[in-house]
Amino acid sequence: MKRPTRSTRLRIPLRLRLRRTRGRLLRRLIIAFLVLVVALCTAAVVAYRLTGIPAPHPETVTQSTVFVDDKGSYLGRRGPVDRQEVPLSQVPRYVQDAVIAAENRTFRTDDGVSPRAVARAVLASLTGGERQGGSTITQQYVKNALLSPEQSLSRKAREALIAIKLDRTRSKDEILAGYLNTVYFGRGSAGVEAAARNYFGVDTRSLTVSQGAALAAIVNIPSYYEKAGSDPKVTATLRARWEWVLDAMAASGSITAKQRAEAAFPAFRFYPPGATEGQRQYMIDVAAQEAADRLGITEDQLARGGYTVHTTFDLALQDATTEAVKDLKDGRTGKGGADAKGITLHAAVVAIVPGDGAVRLLYGGSDYARQPFNDAVGGAVEAGTALDPFGKVPLGAPLTALPKTAAPTPLKLASAYATVAADGVYAAPYTVTKITRDGRQVYTAHPDTRRALDEKAAFMVNAQMSKMYADALPAVPTAQRAPQTLFTAGAGGGITRRTVWSTRLDPRLALTLALFADRPGEKKNTTAPAQLPNDPPPAQSATETTAQIWQLATTGTG
C-alpha cells in the first residue's frame, strides 16, 4: 500500500487540524481537572481523618467560684476568669433560640460550616482584605475554645475541618452548650451564666425572654455593648439589635406574637460597678478561707473550682451598714475618714445569730483597695471596760480566757455577747451555709454549739451590761429604753477615749460596733493608736449608729 507523502498530509484542512488539536487539549484539561479534583478530595479526606478535635484551652474550662448572700443575691467572685459552666437544661429554650437567631439561624440543620463564610475568609486572607465574620456557631466555638486566635488561611481551613468533624461526632445540644459556656459577653463575662449575673443580677435559669434576647444581641460586639445601661448611645444601638433578634425569633416561631408584643427592653445593672463592690471583699475573704477549709482544698483551688458558696451574710444589711458608718465617720472627721491631724477613724461591725453562730453582718473596713486588712476579724482592739460584765462569773470554753484578753477582735467579742443572748450557749461563728458545684451540694454547715455559761451566769452578765448602760445614761427614763440589752463601754475615759464598744442584743441577734482611731507612726508606713475625736462624744455616736443598724437588721426599715 502506498504511504501518504508529506504533500498529501499537508492537504488536510486547517480547520480540521485545529478541531483535532482542540479536542485533544480539551480531553487533557478534563483529565487534569478530574485528577485535581480527585487529589483535592483525597487530600481533604486524609486531612479530615488526620485532624483531631483538640481539647479546649485551659482558660476556657477554668471556672470561677461565686459567693452569694443568705437570700441568693450575688456578692462577688474569685478566680482568674469570670465563668461558671451550666448544663444546657438550665438555659431556657428561648435564650438558646435567641442566640441562634442572632448568630446562626441554620445552626440546627447545617453541617457545622458556612461555605460562603469560608469562601469570604479565604478571599480576605489571599487579598489581605478585612477580617470576615459570619461563621457558624460551631465554627465560633472551635475558634474561641479549641484553636488559637491566629488569622491565617491554614488556621481557617483547620477550623472548618474541626467544625465538620465536631458536627458529625457530637450532638447540636453538646455544641451549643459548649458555645454558650465559653463565648464572651463583655463585662469580663465568659459564658452565659456570668453574663446573666453581670448584666441582670440573676442566674441563667431566671432570664426572661427580653433579657435573653439582649444577651444574644450583645455577643456581636461585646466590648461595645457592655456599656449598655450607662451609655445612652450604646443603649440605643443595642436596643435596635435587640428588636431585630426578637423579630427573627417571632418569625421562626421561637416565641409567640403575644410574647413579641409584650417584650420590654430590659434594665441593666450599672457598669462599671459601684463603690460598695470593694467593701464586700472583706466578707468574701472570710467566706473563701472558711469554704476552702471545709472542702480541704487551697483557696486557689476553690477560686478555680466553679463552686457556688452560699454565705450567711445579709447583703442589704451590709450595704446599709456601709452607709451608716460612712455618715458616722464623715460627721466626725470629714470626708475620707481622716482629720486635719491625720487621725483616721476606724469602725468594725459584727452581727451574729445567738445559739447558731451565723454571721449576718461583717463590716471590716470602708475601702478594701486601700486597706485589705479586716478590722472585724483581725483587728486587736483595746477591750477597756467592754469585758467587765464577764469578770465575776464562771466561764467555760472557749470563753475561759476572755476576761484576761486586753485586745480582743470584734468578732470574738461579738461571739461572747451572742453567748449571753443565747442564755449561755456558745455557737462558733461561721459564714458559709452550704457549697454547691455542678448542681450538687458538696458541703452543708451544722452549728457547732456548747454551753459556756450556765443560765444563772448568763443572766448576771446580761444584768450587769444593762446596769452599766443605765449608769452611763441615767437621764434616759426606763420606760423609753428598748427591751433589748444595751451596752456601751470602751478604753480610756472622759476626753481620752481610745476605743468605744457598743452592743445591742436579744435572742434574735447580737450586734457589736467597735469605734477606734489611729494616726501615722514615727516610722514610714506604720500607725499608732490615737484618741477618738471628742466632738461629738464618741460613746453617743457609737450608740446611735448601733441603734440605727439594729433597726435595719431586725425590722428591715430605716
Protein backbone atom coordinates (compact mmCIF):
# COMPACT_ATOMS: atom_id res chain seq x y z
CA MET A 1 0.00 0.00 0.00
CA LYS A 2 1.30 3.36 -0.90
CA ARG A 3 2.12 5.56 2.10
CA PRO A 4 0.91 9.19 2.03
CA THR A 5 3.57 11.65 1.18
CA ARG A 6 4.31 14.87 3.04
CA SER A 7 2.47 16.81 0.43
CA THR A 8 -0.59 14.61 0.94
CA ARG A 9 -0.62 15.29 4.71
CA LEU A 10 -0.36 18.97 4.13
CA ARG A 11 -3.55 18.83 2.18
CA ILE A 12 -5.58 18.17 5.48
CA PRO A 13 -7.70 21.28 6.01
CA LEU A 14 -6.52 23.67 8.69
CA ARG A 15 -9.96 23.77 10.26
CA LEU A 16 -9.92 20.02 10.74
CA ARG A 17 -6.45 20.04 12.19
CA LEU A 18 -7.46 22.77 14.70
CA ARG A 19 -10.54 20.83 15.68
CA ARG A 20 -8.45 17.75 16.41
CA THR A 21 -5.92 19.76 18.42
CA ARG A 22 -8.67 21.46 20.37
CA GLY A 23 -10.28 18.12 21.14
CA ARG A 24 -7.03 16.66 22.47
CA LEU A 25 -6.41 19.77 24.59
CA LEU A 26 -9.93 19.64 25.99
CA ARG A 27 -9.55 15.97 26.89
CA ARG A 28 -6.26 16.71 28.60
CA LEU A 29 -7.79 19.59 30.53
CA ILE A 30 -10.71 17.44 31.63
CA ILE A 31 -8.36 14.69 32.73
CA ALA A 32 -6.18 17.23 34.59
CA PHE A 33 -9.25 18.70 36.26
CA LEU A 34 -10.50 15.29 37.30
CA VAL A 35 -7.08 14.40 38.63
CA LEU A 36 -7.02 17.69 40.56
CA VAL A 37 -10.50 17.06 41.96
CA VAL A 38 -9.57 13.54 42.98
CA ALA A 39 -6.33 14.82 44.53
CA LEU A 40 -8.15 17.55 46.41
CA CYS A 41 -10.84 15.15 47.59
CA THR A 42 -8.20 12.67 48.65
CA ALA A 43 -6.28 15.41 50.44
CA ALA A 44 -9.47 16.58 52.13
CA VAL A 45 -10.34 13.06 53.24
CA VAL A 46 -6.81 12.47 54.52
CA ALA A 47 -6.78 15.87 56.25
CA TYR A 48 -10.20 15.17 57.77
CA ARG A 49 -9.08 11.80 59.10
CA LEU A 50 -5.80 13.16 60.40
CA THR A 51 -7.43 16.19 62.04
CA GLY A 52 -8.34 15.51 65.64
CA ILE A 53 -10.66 17.51 67.83
CA PRO A 54 -8.33 19.29 70.26
CA ALA A 55 -9.09 19.67 73.94
CA PRO A 56 -10.44 23.09 74.98
CA HIS A 57 -7.88 25.67 76.08
CA PRO A 58 -7.34 25.64 79.87
CA GLU A 59 -8.66 29.20 80.20
CA THR A 60 -11.93 28.24 78.51
CA VAL A 61 -12.66 25.46 81.01
CA THR A 62 -11.43 27.28 84.09
CA GLN A 63 -14.34 28.33 86.26
CA SER A 64 -14.64 30.97 88.93
CA THR A 65 -16.27 30.49 92.31
CA VAL A 66 -19.26 32.69 93.09
CA PHE A 67 -20.34 33.92 96.51
CA VAL A 68 -23.97 34.73 97.29
CA ASP A 69 -25.69 36.06 100.41
CA ASP A 70 -28.31 34.33 102.56
CA LYS A 71 -31.03 35.18 100.01
CA GLY A 72 -29.01 34.18 96.95
CA SER A 73 -28.01 37.71 95.92
CA TYR A 74 -24.63 37.99 94.23
CA LEU A 75 -21.77 39.11 96.48
CA GLY A 76 -18.77 38.59 94.23
CA ARG A 77 -16.43 36.00 92.79
CA ARG A 78 -12.94 34.60 93.00
CA GLY A 79 -10.98 33.22 90.08
CA PRO A 80 -8.92 34.27 87.04
CA VAL A 81 -11.90 34.03 84.65
CA ASP A 82 -15.48 35.01 85.40
CA ARG A 83 -17.09 31.81 84.15
CA GLN A 84 -19.36 29.17 85.60
CA GLU A 85 -20.45 26.25 83.48
CA VAL A 86 -24.15 25.39 83.34
CA PRO A 87 -25.82 22.44 81.58
CA LEU A 88 -27.99 23.30 78.60
CA SER A 89 -31.01 22.12 80.58
CA GLN A 90 -30.59 25.21 82.80
CA VAL A 91 -30.62 27.59 79.82
CA PRO A 92 -34.22 28.44 78.88
CA ARG A 93 -35.10 27.35 75.35
CA TYR A 94 -35.95 30.92 74.36
CA VAL A 95 -32.44 32.03 75.39
CA GLN A 96 -30.94 29.30 73.21
CA ASP A 97 -33.19 30.33 70.33
CA ALA A 98 -32.26 34.00 70.80
CA VAL A 99 -28.56 33.22 70.38
CA ILE A 100 -29.28 31.05 67.33
CA ALA A 101 -31.41 33.84 65.82
CA ALA A 102 -28.63 36.36 66.37
CA GLU A 103 -25.60 34.29 65.38
CA ASN A 104 -26.53 31.33 63.12
CA ARG A 105 -30.15 30.76 62.12
CA THR A 106 -29.37 27.48 60.31
CA PHE A 107 -27.50 26.02 63.27
CA ARG A 108 -29.96 23.19 63.90
CA THR A 109 -29.72 21.97 60.29
CA ASP A 110 -26.29 22.97 58.91
CA ASP A 111 -23.18 20.77 58.73
CA GLY A 112 -21.13 22.92 61.05
CA VAL A 113 -19.71 25.24 58.38
CA SER A 114 -20.92 28.05 56.17
CA PRO A 115 -19.36 27.64 52.68
CA ARG A 116 -20.00 31.31 51.88
CA ALA A 117 -18.32 32.44 55.10
CA VAL A 118 -15.34 30.16 54.45
CA ALA A 119 -15.02 31.47 50.88
CA ARG A 120 -15.13 35.08 52.09
CA ALA A 121 -12.49 34.37 54.73
CA VAL A 122 -10.21 32.62 52.19
CA LEU A 123 -10.57 35.52 49.75
CA ALA A 124 -9.82 38.04 52.50
CA SER A 125 -6.71 36.10 53.54
CA LEU A 126 -5.43 35.85 49.95
CA THR A 127 -6.07 39.50 49.14
CA GLY A 128 -5.11 40.98 52.51
CA GLY A 129 -8.61 42.31 52.97
CA GLU A 130 -10.55 42.97 56.16
CA ARG A 131 -11.25 40.05 58.51
CA GLN A 132 -14.52 38.34 57.67
CA GLY A 133 -17.13 37.09 60.12
CA GLY A 134 -20.29 35.13 59.50
CA SER A 135 -19.03 31.82 60.91
CA THR A 136 -21.47 29.26 62.23
CA ILE A 137 -21.91 28.74 65.97
CA THR A 138 -19.90 25.54 65.60
CA GLN A 139 -17.03 27.39 63.92
CA GLN A 140 -17.15 30.14 66.55
CA TYR A 141 -16.93 27.53 69.31
CA VAL A 142 -13.95 25.89 67.58
CA LYS A 143 -12.25 29.24 67.09
CA ASN A 144 -12.86 30.51 70.64
CA ALA A 145 -12.37 27.35 72.68
CA LEU A 146 -10.24 24.93 70.65
CA LEU A 147 -7.90 26.95 68.42
CA SER A 148 -5.62 29.95 68.69
CA PRO A 149 -6.87 33.41 67.62
CA GLU A 150 -4.38 33.43 64.72
CA GLN A 151 -5.91 34.68 61.46
CA SER A 152 -4.42 32.66 58.59
CA LEU A 153 -5.63 30.53 55.69
CA SER A 154 -4.33 27.30 57.23
CA ARG A 155 -5.96 28.02 60.57
CA LYS A 156 -9.27 28.84 58.85
CA ALA A 157 -9.09 25.56 56.91
CA ARG A 158 -8.36 23.63 60.10
CA GLU A 159 -11.25 25.41 61.82
CA ALA A 160 -13.61 24.26 59.08
CA LEU A 161 -12.39 20.65 59.23
CA ILE A 162 -12.75 20.51 63.01
CA ALA A 163 -16.20 22.10 62.80
CA ILE A 164 -17.35 19.47 60.31
CA LYS A 165 -15.95 16.64 62.43
CA LEU A 166 -17.45 18.15 65.57
CA ASP A 167 -20.85 18.40 63.89
CA ARG A 168 -20.68 14.73 62.84
CA THR A 169 -19.48 13.34 66.16
CA ARG A 170 -21.39 15.43 68.67
CA SER A 171 -24.99 16.48 69.05
CA LYS A 172 -26.14 20.01 68.33
CA ASP A 173 -27.04 20.38 72.01
CA GLU A 174 -23.48 19.49 73.08
CA ILE A 175 -22.03 22.03 70.66
CA LEU A 176 -24.48 24.73 71.71
CA ALA A 177 -23.76 24.07 75.40
CA GLY A 178 -20.02 24.39 74.77
CA TYR A 179 -20.55 27.63 72.87
CA LEU A 180 -22.84 29.19 75.48
CA ASN A 181 -20.39 28.33 78.26
CA THR A 182 -17.36 29.87 76.53
CA VAL A 183 -18.50 32.76 74.31
CA TYR A 184 -17.51 36.21 75.59
CA PHE A 185 -20.36 38.58 76.51
CA GLY A 186 -18.40 41.61 77.73
CA ARG A 187 -18.10 42.89 81.31
CA GLY A 188 -15.49 40.18 81.89
CA SER A 189 -18.16 37.50 81.44
CA ALA A 190 -17.15 34.25 79.78
CA GLY A 191 -20.29 32.22 79.24
CA VAL A 192 -23.98 32.83 79.69
CA GLU A 193 -24.11 32.26 83.47
CA ALA A 194 -21.61 35.02 84.24
CA ALA A 195 -23.30 37.27 81.68
CA ALA A 196 -26.74 36.80 83.25
CA ARG A 197 -25.30 37.71 86.63
CA ASN A 198 -23.22 40.70 85.49
CA TYR A 199 -25.87 42.27 83.26
CA PHE A 200 -29.06 41.46 85.16
CA GLY A 201 -28.12 40.12 88.60
CA VAL A 202 -29.82 36.73 88.03
CA ASP A 203 -28.75 33.20 87.16
CA THR A 204 -29.31 31.76 83.70
CA ARG A 205 -32.47 29.89 84.67
CA SER A 206 -34.13 33.16 85.68
CA LEU A 207 -33.51 35.06 82.42
CA THR A 208 -36.62 36.45 80.74
CA VAL A 209 -37.27 36.43 77.00
CA SER A 210 -36.25 40.10 76.81
CA GLN A 211 -33.07 39.56 78.81
CA GLY A 212 -32.12 36.52 76.74
CA ALA A 213 -32.58 38.46 73.51
CA ALA A 214 -30.43 41.28 74.89
CA LEU A 215 -27.58 38.90 75.75
CA ALA A 216 -27.82 37.33 72.30
CA ALA A 217 -27.58 40.79 70.74
CA ILE A 218 -24.51 41.65 72.84
CA VAL A 219 -22.44 38.70 71.51
CA ASN A 220 -21.95 40.53 68.20
CA ILE A 221 -19.72 43.30 69.67
CA PRO A 222 -19.41 42.62 73.42
CA SER A 223 -16.69 45.18 74.12
CA TYR A 224 -19.01 47.90 72.78
CA TYR A 225 -22.35 46.71 74.11
CA GLU A 226 -21.08 46.06 77.65
CA LYS A 227 -21.76 49.74 78.42
CA ALA A 228 -25.48 49.29 77.84
CA GLY A 229 -27.48 50.92 80.58
CA SER A 230 -24.83 53.53 81.37
CA ASP A 231 -24.07 54.94 77.90
CA PRO A 232 -27.21 56.28 76.11
CA LYS A 233 -25.76 55.88 72.61
CA VAL A 234 -24.69 52.28 73.22
CA THR A 235 -28.04 51.51 74.82
CA ALA A 236 -29.94 52.86 71.81
CA THR A 237 -27.79 50.87 69.36
CA LEU A 238 -28.25 47.69 71.37
CA ARG A 239 -31.99 48.25 71.55
CA ALA A 240 -32.23 48.29 67.76
CA ARG A 241 -30.33 45.00 67.52
CA TRP A 242 -32.47 43.57 70.35
CA GLU A 243 -35.59 44.37 68.31
CA TRP A 244 -34.02 42.61 65.32
CA VAL A 245 -33.33 39.47 67.37
CA LEU A 246 -36.88 39.37 68.73
CA ASP A 247 -38.34 39.84 65.24
CA ALA A 248 -36.27 36.89 64.00
CA MET A 249 -37.44 34.76 66.93
CA ALA A 250 -41.07 35.62 66.22
CA ALA A 251 -40.64 34.89 62.51
CA SER A 252 -39.18 31.44 63.23
CA GLY A 253 -41.85 30.59 65.80
CA SER A 254 -39.42 30.58 68.74
CA ILE A 255 -41.71 33.00 70.55
CA THR A 256 -45.36 33.79 70.03
CA ALA A 257 -46.74 37.01 68.61
CA LYS A 258 -48.02 37.81 72.10
CA GLN A 259 -44.57 37.33 73.65
CA ARG A 260 -43.08 39.57 70.97
CA ALA A 261 -45.67 42.29 71.59
CA GLU A 262 -45.21 42.14 75.37
CA ALA A 263 -41.38 42.19 75.30
CA ALA A 264 -39.94 45.27 77.02
CA PHE A 265 -36.33 46.36 76.74
CA PRO A 266 -34.67 45.18 79.98
CA ALA A 267 -32.91 47.27 82.62
CA PHE A 268 -29.19 46.60 83.01
CA ARG A 269 -27.01 46.65 86.09
CA PHE A 270 -24.90 49.79 86.07
CA TYR A 271 -21.43 49.34 84.60
CA PRO A 272 -18.81 49.71 85.90
CA PRO A 273 -19.98 48.53 89.36
CA GLY A 274 -20.34 50.94 92.26
CA ALA A 275 -18.01 51.56 95.19
CA THR A 276 -19.80 49.12 97.53
CA GLU A 277 -18.43 46.23 95.49
CA GLY A 278 -14.97 46.75 97.02
CA GLN A 279 -16.26 46.68 100.58
CA ARG A 280 -17.73 43.24 100.01
CA GLN A 281 -14.28 41.79 99.55
CA TYR A 282 -13.88 41.70 103.33
CA MET A 283 -16.79 39.26 103.52
CA ILE A 284 -15.55 37.23 100.56
CA ASP A 285 -12.07 36.92 102.14
CA VAL A 286 -13.53 35.36 105.27
CA ALA A 287 -16.01 33.12 103.45
CA ALA A 288 -13.37 31.94 100.94
CA GLN A 289 -10.99 30.88 103.69
CA GLU A 290 -13.77 29.06 105.53
CA ALA A 291 -15.06 27.36 102.36
CA ALA A 292 -11.58 26.14 101.41
CA ASP A 293 -11.05 24.76 104.93
CA ARG A 294 -14.39 22.94 104.85
CA LEU A 295 -13.58 21.33 101.49
CA GLY A 296 -9.98 20.54 102.40
CA ILE A 297 -8.53 22.44 99.44
CA THR A 298 -6.50 25.60 98.93
CA GLU A 299 -8.10 28.96 98.28
CA ASP A 300 -6.58 28.91 94.78
CA GLN A 301 -8.25 25.56 94.06
CA LEU A 302 -11.50 26.97 95.40
CA ALA A 303 -11.24 30.04 93.15
CA ARG A 304 -10.80 27.86 90.04
CA GLY A 305 -13.27 25.17 91.01
CA GLY A 306 -16.61 26.51 89.81
CA TYR A 307 -18.26 26.38 93.22
CA THR A 308 -21.15 28.46 94.49
CA VAL A 309 -20.60 29.45 98.10
CA HIS A 310 -23.80 30.31 99.95
CA THR A 311 -22.93 32.62 102.82
CA THR A 312 -24.71 33.73 105.98
CA PHE A 313 -24.40 37.42 105.11
CA ASP A 314 -27.32 39.78 104.58
CA LEU A 315 -26.18 41.92 101.65
CA ALA A 316 -28.89 44.57 102.05
CA LEU A 317 -27.94 44.99 105.72
CA GLN A 318 -24.25 45.09 104.79
CA ASP A 319 -24.77 47.87 102.26
CA ALA A 320 -26.97 49.84 104.69
CA THR A 321 -24.31 49.48 107.39
CA THR A 322 -21.68 50.75 104.98
CA GLU A 323 -23.70 53.93 104.51
CA ALA A 324 -24.41 54.32 108.24
CA VAL A 325 -20.72 54.00 109.16
CA LYS A 326 -19.76 56.37 106.34
CA ASP A 327 -22.12 59.01 107.77
CA LEU A 328 -20.66 58.46 111.23
CA LYS A 329 -17.07 58.84 110.05
CA ASP A 330 -17.74 61.79 107.76
CA GLY A 331 -19.54 63.56 110.60
CA ARG A 332 -16.55 63.20 112.92
CA THR A 333 -13.51 63.57 110.66
CA GLY A 334 -14.85 64.86 107.36
CA LYS A 335 -14.92 63.00 104.07
CA GLY A 336 -12.14 60.47 103.69
CA GLY A 337 -12.15 59.42 107.35
CA ALA A 338 -9.10 61.46 108.44
CA ASP A 339 -9.00 64.82 110.22
CA ALA A 340 -6.51 67.67 109.97
CA LYS A 341 -4.17 65.94 112.42
CA GLY A 342 -4.03 62.81 110.30
CA ILE A 343 -6.16 60.80 112.71
CA THR A 344 -8.11 58.08 110.89
CA LEU A 345 -11.31 56.77 112.37
CA HIS A 346 -11.94 53.01 112.11
CA ALA A 347 -15.15 51.08 112.64
CA ALA A 348 -15.83 47.37 112.78
CA VAL A 349 -19.33 45.90 112.96
CA VAL A 350 -20.32 42.28 113.57
CA ALA A 351 -23.80 40.76 113.93
CA ILE A 352 -24.25 37.11 114.96
CA VAL A 353 -27.33 34.92 115.42
CA PRO A 354 -27.26 33.76 119.10
CA GLY A 355 -27.28 30.00 119.63
CA ASP A 356 -26.48 29.37 115.96
CA GLY A 357 -23.32 31.31 115.10
CA ALA A 358 -24.37 32.54 111.65
CA VAL A 359 -22.62 35.85 110.92
CA ARG A 360 -25.22 38.14 109.36
CA LEU A 361 -23.06 41.25 109.17
CA LEU A 362 -19.31 41.70 108.89
CA TYR A 363 -18.08 45.23 108.29
CA GLY A 364 -14.29 45.13 108.27
CA GLY A 365 -13.41 48.48 106.72
CA SER A 366 -14.62 51.12 104.30
CA ASP A 367 -12.25 50.55 101.38
CA TYR A 368 -10.69 47.16 100.67
CA ALA A 369 -8.46 48.62 97.96
CA ARG A 370 -6.77 50.97 100.43
CA GLN A 371 -6.96 48.71 103.48
CA PRO A 372 -7.28 44.98 102.78
CA PHE A 373 -6.79 44.24 106.49
CA ASN A 374 -10.14 43.24 108.03
CA ASP A 375 -10.69 45.14 111.30
CA ALA A 376 -13.68 42.94 112.24
CA VAL A 377 -11.87 39.60 112.30
CA GLY A 378 -8.22 40.60 112.66
CA GLY A 379 -8.22 43.91 114.48
CA ALA A 380 -6.98 43.63 118.07
CA VAL A 381 -8.95 46.44 119.69
CA GLU A 382 -8.48 47.61 123.28
CA ALA A 383 -11.11 45.95 125.44
CA GLY A 384 -11.22 48.51 128.25
CA THR A 385 -14.45 48.04 130.22
CA ALA A 386 -16.14 46.01 127.47
CA LEU A 387 -15.24 42.75 129.24
CA ASP A 388 -16.16 43.84 132.77
CA PRO A 389 -19.58 42.09 132.79
CA PHE A 390 -17.81 38.71 132.36
CA GLY A 391 -15.38 39.27 135.23
CA LYS A 392 -17.41 37.82 138.12
CA VAL A 393 -18.97 34.69 136.62
CA PRO A 394 -17.54 31.21 135.92
CA LEU A 395 -16.80 30.77 132.21
CA GLY A 396 -16.48 27.63 130.16
CA ALA A 397 -14.51 27.09 126.95
CA PRO A 398 -13.94 28.90 124.72
CA LEU A 399 -14.68 31.99 126.85
CA THR A 400 -12.31 30.98 129.66
CA ALA A 401 -9.53 33.37 128.75
CA LEU A 402 -11.81 36.19 127.70
CA PRO A 403 -11.59 38.41 130.82
CA LYS A 404 -7.80 38.39 130.55
CA THR A 405 -7.80 39.44 126.90
CA ALA A 406 -6.58 43.02 126.63
CA ALA A 407 -7.33 43.39 122.91
CA PRO A 408 -9.97 41.00 121.54
CA THR A 409 -11.10 41.08 117.94
CA PRO A 410 -14.61 42.45 117.35
CA LEU A 411 -15.69 39.02 116.07
CA LYS A 412 -14.60 37.29 119.29
CA LEU A 413 -16.26 39.88 121.49
CA ALA A 414 -19.47 39.68 119.45
CA SER A 415 -19.40 35.88 119.88
CA ALA A 416 -19.17 36.32 123.64
CA TYR A 417 -22.12 38.71 123.67
CA ALA A 418 -24.09 36.30 121.46
CA THR A 419 -23.46 33.60 124.10
CA VAL A 420 -25.16 35.81 126.68
CA ALA A 421 -28.12 36.37 124.34
CA ALA A 422 -28.44 32.57 123.92
CA ASP A 423 -28.67 32.02 127.71
CA GLY A 424 -25.10 30.78 127.92
CA VAL A 425 -24.90 28.60 124.77
CA TYR A 426 -21.79 29.45 122.77
CA ALA A 427 -22.02 28.96 119.00
CA ALA A 428 -18.86 29.06 116.90
CA PRO A 429 -19.26 31.85 114.33
CA TYR A 430 -19.49 30.69 110.70
CA THR A 431 -20.06 32.42 107.36
CA VAL A 432 -20.78 29.53 104.94
CA THR A 433 -24.11 27.68 104.99
CA LYS A 434 -23.56 25.40 102.01
CA ILE A 435 -21.38 24.90 98.95
CA THR A 436 -22.62 23.59 95.61
CA ARG A 437 -20.92 22.54 92.40
CA ASP A 438 -22.50 21.42 89.13
CA GLY A 439 -25.86 21.40 90.85
CA ARG A 440 -24.69 19.10 93.65
CA GLN A 441 -24.36 20.11 97.27
CA VAL A 442 -20.83 19.29 98.45
CA TYR A 443 -20.94 20.87 101.91
CA THR A 444 -23.63 21.77 104.44
CA ALA A 445 -22.95 23.70 107.64
CA HIS A 446 -24.00 22.40 111.04
CA PRO A 447 -23.86 24.82 114.01
CA ASP A 448 -21.13 23.99 116.49
CA THR A 449 -22.55 24.79 119.93
CA ARG A 450 -21.59 24.13 123.55
CA ARG A 451 -22.54 25.58 126.90
CA ALA A 452 -20.04 28.20 128.04
CA LEU A 453 -22.16 29.85 130.74
CA ASP A 454 -24.85 28.40 132.94
CA GLU A 455 -28.18 30.19 132.69
CA LYS A 456 -27.69 31.99 136.01
CA ALA A 457 -24.30 33.33 134.92
CA ALA A 458 -25.72 34.43 131.59
CA PHE A 459 -28.49 36.29 133.43
CA MET A 460 -25.94 38.00 135.68
CA VAL A 461 -23.82 39.12 132.72
CA ASN A 462 -26.91 40.45 130.98
CA ALA A 463 -27.99 42.34 134.09
CA GLN A 464 -24.51 43.81 134.56
CA MET A 465 -24.46 45.03 130.95
CA SER A 466 -27.85 46.70 131.39
CA LYS A 467 -26.76 48.30 134.69
CA MET A 468 -23.56 49.70 133.17
CA TYR A 469 -25.58 51.18 130.31
CA ALA A 470 -28.12 52.68 132.71
CA ASP A 471 -25.33 54.19 134.84
CA ALA A 472 -23.77 55.67 131.71
CA LEU A 473 -27.07 57.23 130.56
CA PRO A 474 -29.02 57.94 133.76
CA ALA A 475 -31.12 60.67 132.13
CA VAL A 476 -32.96 58.21 129.86
CA PRO A 477 -36.25 57.16 131.53
CA THR A 478 -36.62 53.41 131.96
CA ALA A 479 -39.92 53.44 130.05
CA GLN A 480 -38.18 54.86 126.97
CA ARG A 481 -35.42 52.26 126.90
CA ALA A 482 -35.57 49.48 124.34
CA PRO A 483 -36.41 45.95 125.51
CA GLN A 484 -33.07 44.70 124.19
CA THR A 485 -29.93 44.71 126.29
CA LEU A 486 -27.89 47.82 125.52
CA PHE A 487 -24.25 48.23 126.44
CA THR A 488 -21.68 50.91 125.69
CA ALA A 489 -18.13 50.63 127.02
CA GLY A 490 -14.59 51.39 125.99
CA ALA A 491 -10.97 52.09 126.73
CA GLY A 492 -9.94 55.40 128.25
CA GLY A 493 -12.34 57.85 129.80
CA GLY A 494 -13.56 61.40 129.57
CA ILE A 495 -11.80 63.23 126.76
CA THR A 496 -9.17 60.49 126.35
CA ARG A 497 -11.35 57.82 124.76
CA ARG A 498 -9.28 55.48 122.59
CA THR A 499 -11.93 52.81 121.86
CA VAL A 500 -15.70 52.66 122.15
CA TRP A 501 -17.66 49.41 122.08
CA SER A 502 -21.42 49.49 121.57
CA THR A 503 -23.54 46.34 121.76
CA ARG A 504 -27.22 45.57 121.43
CA LEU A 505 -28.59 42.06 121.77
CA ASP A 506 -31.66 39.93 122.23
CA PRO A 507 -32.40 36.25 121.35
CA ARG A 508 -32.62 37.17 117.66
CA LEU A 509 -29.31 38.94 117.17
CA ALA A 510 -26.15 40.16 118.88
CA LEU A 511 -24.77 43.30 117.23
CA THR A 512 -21.44 44.87 118.19
CA LEU A 513 -19.77 48.01 116.88
CA ALA A 514 -16.18 48.97 117.72
CA LEU A 515 -15.01 52.53 117.12
CA PHE A 516 -11.30 53.35 117.35
CA ALA A 517 -8.66 55.55 115.73
CA ASP A 518 -5.03 55.61 114.66
CA ARG A 519 -2.51 58.12 113.38
CA PRO A 520 0.69 57.88 111.30
CA GLY A 521 3.52 56.23 113.22
CA GLU A 522 7.04 57.53 113.65
CA LYS A 523 8.33 55.08 111.03
CA LYS A 524 7.17 55.12 107.44
CA ASN A 525 4.04 53.06 106.66
CA THR A 526 3.26 52.46 110.33
CA THR A 527 0.39 53.57 112.54
CA ALA A 528 -0.10 54.16 116.24
CA PRO A 529 -3.28 54.24 118.38
CA ALA A 530 -4.88 57.65 118.68
CA GLN A 531 -7.54 59.28 120.82
CA LEU A 532 -11.01 59.43 119.32
CA PRO A 533 -12.17 62.93 118.40
CA ASN A 534 -14.43 64.09 121.23
CA ASP A 535 -16.85 66.24 119.26
CA PRO A 536 -19.44 64.81 119.14
CA PRO A 537 -18.92 62.43 122.09
CA PRO A 538 -17.79 59.07 120.65
CA ALA A 539 -19.92 56.95 123.00
CA GLN A 540 -23.04 58.78 121.87
CA SER A 541 -22.11 58.42 118.19
CA ALA A 542 -21.42 54.71 118.54
CA THR A 543 -24.66 54.09 120.43
CA GLU A 544 -26.76 55.98 117.89
CA THR A 545 -25.14 54.20 114.93
CA THR A 546 -25.62 50.82 116.59
CA ALA A 547 -29.28 51.66 117.16
CA GLN A 548 -29.66 52.63 113.51
CA ILE A 549 -28.08 49.39 112.27
CA TRP A 550 -30.13 47.36 114.78
CA GLN A 551 -33.32 48.86 113.42
CA LEU A 552 -32.31 47.87 109.91
CA ALA A 553 -31.29 44.38 110.98
CA THR A 554 -34.38 43.49 112.99
CA THR A 555 -37.15 45.26 111.10
CA GLY A 556 -35.72 45.92 107.66
CA THR A 557 -36.60 49.62 107.93
CA GLY A 558 -34.54 52.69 108.49
